[in-house]
Protein backbone atom coordinates (compact mmCIF):
# COMPACT_ATOMS: atom_id res chain seq x y z
CA MET A 1 0.03 0.11 -0.26
CA LYS A 2 1.04 3.40 -0.90
CA LYS A 3 2.38 5.80 1.48
CA THR A 4 -0.68 8.16 0.05
CA ASP A 5 -3.44 5.06 0.53
CA PHE A 6 -2.45 4.53 3.92
CA LEU A 7 -2.72 7.94 4.94
CA LYS A 8 -6.16 8.24 3.37
CA ASP A 9 -7.27 4.98 4.85
CA CYS A 10 -5.96 6.29 8.19
CA MET A 11 -8.27 9.42 8.05
CA ALA A 12 -11.11 7.52 6.37
CA ASP A 13 -11.25 5.12 9.17
CA ALA A 14 -11.11 8.24 11.79
CA VAL A 15 -14.46 9.64 9.92
CA VAL A 16 -16.31 6.46 10.53
CA GLY A 17 -15.08 6.09 13.88
CA LEU A 18 -16.49 9.28 14.72
CA LEU A 19 -19.42 9.05 12.73
CA LYS A 20 -20.05 5.76 16.12
CA THR A 21 -20.47 8.84 18.19
CA HIS A 22 -21.16 12.11 16.28
CA ARG A 23 -23.84 13.57 13.30
CA PRO A 24 -21.47 14.24 10.75
CA GLU A 25 -22.00 17.91 11.22
CA GLU A 26 -20.41 18.27 13.92
CA ILE A 27 -17.08 16.34 12.77
CA THR A 28 -14.69 18.94 12.06
CA ALA A 29 -11.46 19.04 10.07
CA ALA A 30 -8.94 19.01 13.29
CA MET A 31 -11.32 16.09 15.02
CA ILE A 32 -10.47 13.52 11.57
CA ALA A 33 -6.90 14.73 11.51
CA GLU A 34 -6.38 14.43 15.27
CA ARG A 35 -7.93 10.96 15.33
CA ALA A 36 -6.05 9.82 12.22
CA GLY A 37 -2.57 11.47 13.51
CA VAL A 38 -2.23 13.54 10.40
CA GLY A 39 -2.10 17.61 10.03
CA ARG A 40 -5.35 19.08 9.37
CA ALA A 41 -3.47 20.15 5.71
CA THR A 42 -2.93 16.49 5.24
CA TRP A 43 -6.91 16.06 5.11
CA PHE A 44 -7.51 18.75 3.23
CA ARG A 45 -4.74 17.68 0.23
CA HIS A 46 -6.65 14.19 0.19
CA PHE A 47 -10.43 14.51 0.85
CA SER A 48 -12.84 17.50 -0.09
CA SER A 49 -15.76 16.14 2.47
CA LYS A 50 -16.35 13.16 5.12
CA GLU A 51 -18.81 11.73 2.12
CA GLU A 52 -15.52 11.22 0.05
CA ALA A 53 -13.06 9.85 2.74
CA VAL A 54 -16.34 7.11 3.79
CA SER A 55 -16.29 6.39 -0.14
CA PHE A 56 -13.03 5.63 -0.59
CA LYS A 57 -13.33 3.53 2.44
CA LEU A 58 -16.12 1.34 1.26
CA GLN A 59 -14.23 1.55 -2.30
CA GLU A 60 -11.01 -0.05 -0.62
CA LEU A 61 -13.32 -2.73 1.63
CA TRP A 62 -14.72 -3.74 -1.77
CA TYR A 63 -11.78 -4.06 -3.54
CA GLU A 64 -10.12 -6.56 -0.78
CA TRP A 65 -13.64 -8.14 -0.22
CA VAL A 66 -13.49 -9.40 -3.78
CA GLU A 67 -9.72 -10.29 -3.51
CA GLN A 68 -10.34 -12.38 -0.13
CA ASN A 69 -13.74 -13.67 -2.01
CA SER A 70 -11.78 -14.98 -5.35
CA ALA A 71 -14.14 -13.09 -7.21
CA SER A 72 -13.52 -10.85 -10.48
CA GLY A 73 -15.86 -8.33 -11.15
CA ALA A 74 -14.92 -7.84 -14.79
CA ASP A 75 -15.90 -11.20 -15.72
CA LEU A 76 -19.08 -11.49 -13.87
CA THR A 77 -22.84 -11.56 -15.42
CA THR A 78 -25.46 -8.77 -14.19
CA LEU A 79 -26.53 -11.11 -12.23
CA GLU A 80 -23.43 -12.90 -10.41
CA ARG A 81 -22.52 -8.91 -9.95
CA ALA A 82 -25.91 -8.48 -8.54
CA ASP A 83 -25.05 -11.59 -6.27
CA LEU A 84 -21.59 -10.17 -5.05
CA VAL A 85 -22.97 -7.08 -4.23
CA PHE A 86 -25.65 -8.41 -1.84
CA ARG A 87 -23.19 -10.32 0.04
CA PHE A 88 -20.80 -7.55 0.06
CA PHE A 89 -23.40 -5.17 1.96
CA TYR A 90 -24.14 -8.29 4.30
CA GLN A 91 -20.57 -9.15 5.12
CA TYR A 92 -20.40 -5.17 6.25
CA LYS A 93 -23.54 -4.42 7.37
CA ASP A 94 -22.98 -2.90 10.63
CA LEU A 95 -20.77 0.05 8.90
CA HIS A 96 -23.93 0.18 6.53
CA LEU A 97 -26.45 0.44 8.59
CA LEU A 98 -24.07 3.17 10.77
CA LEU A 99 -23.61 4.70 7.32
CA ILE A 100 -27.64 4.91 6.65
CA SER A 101 -28.37 5.89 10.29
CA ARG A 102 -26.15 9.13 10.32
CA GLY A 103 -27.78 10.54 6.58
CA MET A 104 -24.37 9.21 4.89
CA ASN A 105 -26.26 7.18 1.73
CA GLN A 106 -24.27 10.01 -0.59
CA ALA A 107 -21.12 8.34 0.42
CA ILE A 108 -22.61 5.04 -0.58
CA TYR A 109 -24.46 6.00 -3.98
CA HIS A 110 -20.46 7.14 -4.86
CA ALA A 111 -19.11 4.16 -3.94
CA PHE A 112 -21.46 1.63 -5.21
CA PHE A 113 -21.43 3.74 -8.64
CA ASN A 114 -17.71 3.61 -8.67
CA ILE A 115 -17.37 0.30 -8.01
CA ILE A 116 -19.81 -1.41 -9.82
CA ILE A 117 -20.36 0.03 -13.38
CA PRO A 118 -18.08 -1.44 -15.80
CA PRO A 119 -16.55 1.34 -18.14
CA VAL A 120 -19.15 1.68 -20.85
CA PRO A 121 -18.56 3.94 -24.11
CA ALA A 122 -19.87 7.82 -23.36
CA ASP A 123 -21.81 7.46 -27.04
CA SER A 124 -23.01 4.22 -26.23
CA PHE A 125 -26.91 3.19 -25.68
CA ILE A 126 -25.30 0.36 -23.86
CA ARG A 127 -24.55 3.19 -21.31
CA TYR A 128 -28.57 4.08 -20.92
CA ASP A 129 -29.23 0.21 -20.15
CA THR A 130 -25.86 -0.16 -17.35
CA ILE A 131 -27.15 3.34 -15.61
CA PHE A 132 -30.55 1.93 -15.29
CA TYR A 133 -29.75 -1.68 -14.04
CA MET A 134 -27.41 -0.01 -11.36
CA ASN A 135 -30.03 2.76 -10.18
CA GLY A 136 -32.36 -0.44 -9.60
CA LEU A 137 -29.79 -3.09 -7.95
CA TYR A 138 -28.86 0.36 -5.86
CA GLY A 139 -32.43 0.64 -4.97
CA LEU A 140 -32.81 -2.81 -4.03
CA VAL A 141 -29.68 -2.30 -1.54
CA MET A 142 -30.81 0.81 -0.18
CA GLU A 143 -34.29 -0.40 0.52
CA TRP A 144 -32.61 -3.56 2.01
CA LEU A 145 -30.61 -1.79 4.53
CA LYS A 146 -33.20 0.78 5.18
CA THR A 147 -35.45 -2.45 6.31
CA GLY A 148 -32.31 -3.90 8.51
CA LEU A 149 -31.18 -6.35 6.00
CA GLN A 150 -34.16 -9.19 7.04
CA GLU A 151 -33.34 -11.16 4.10
CA SER A 152 -30.33 -13.33 3.66
CA PRO A 153 -28.03 -11.94 0.84
CA LYS A 154 -29.27 -15.31 -1.10
CA GLU A 155 -32.94 -14.18 -1.05
CA MET A 156 -32.44 -10.95 -2.37
CA SER A 157 -30.19 -12.69 -5.36
CA ALA A 158 -33.18 -14.81 -5.72
CA ALA A 159 -35.33 -11.34 -5.46
CA MET A 160 -33.06 -9.78 -8.73
CA HIS A 161 -33.25 -13.17 -10.55
CA ARG A 162 -37.34 -13.19 -10.17
CA ILE A 163 -36.93 -9.74 -11.89
CA PHE A 164 -34.62 -10.40 -14.70
CA ALA A 165 -36.59 -13.92 -15.07
CA ALA A 166 -40.05 -11.90 -15.35
CA GLY A 167 -38.38 -9.82 -18.33
CA TYR A 168 -38.25 -6.46 -16.66
CA MET A 169 -35.20 -5.78 -18.14
CA ASN A 170 -35.70 -7.28 -21.26
CA GLN A 171 -38.36 -5.84 -22.32
CA SER A 172 -39.11 -3.62 -25.37
CA SER A 173 -41.89 -0.20 -25.39
CA ASP A 174 -44.12 1.10 -28.01
CA VAL A 175 -43.97 4.41 -27.04
C-alpha cells in the first residue's frame, strides 16, 4: 500500500470511527486529523468532504473483499455481479447501517457506482441500460438496508433473478 493510500485509509477510518459517536455535521477536520494522527492540511490535501472519505473506505473494502472471495468483477454476468453486491453489503452490514443512520447515503451511492459500473463508451446506448440497471440494484440495496437487512443475500439475489426472469430488463416498449 502506498503511503498516500495508507494516510487516506487512516483518515477514512477516523471519519467512520467518529460517526459512531457524532453526527456528520459535528465532525470537524481537526477532529479527523487528530484521530488519524495527521495534520489538518493532510486531510484537505486528500479529501474534500467526509462523504468522499467514507466513499473511499467503502471502495477499499470492496476491492479487499473481492480479492479475499476470489471474485473478479470484470468477468461476471450482471446477475453474478448482483450476487456479489448483496454478499458484500451483508458482510459489512454494521458499517452500512451506521452510514444510513447518519444520513451518509451519498457516500454509499458514490462508492457503489465507482465499484459496480463497468466502463461503457460514452456514446453507447448500453450506457443507458447500465445506468438503469445500476440504479435499480442500488434501490434494492438501499431498501434492504433501510429495512435492516431482514432477508439474506441469497434471498435478495433470488429477488433480483425473479426481476430478470419476469423480463423487466428485457422488455421493449412501443412508446
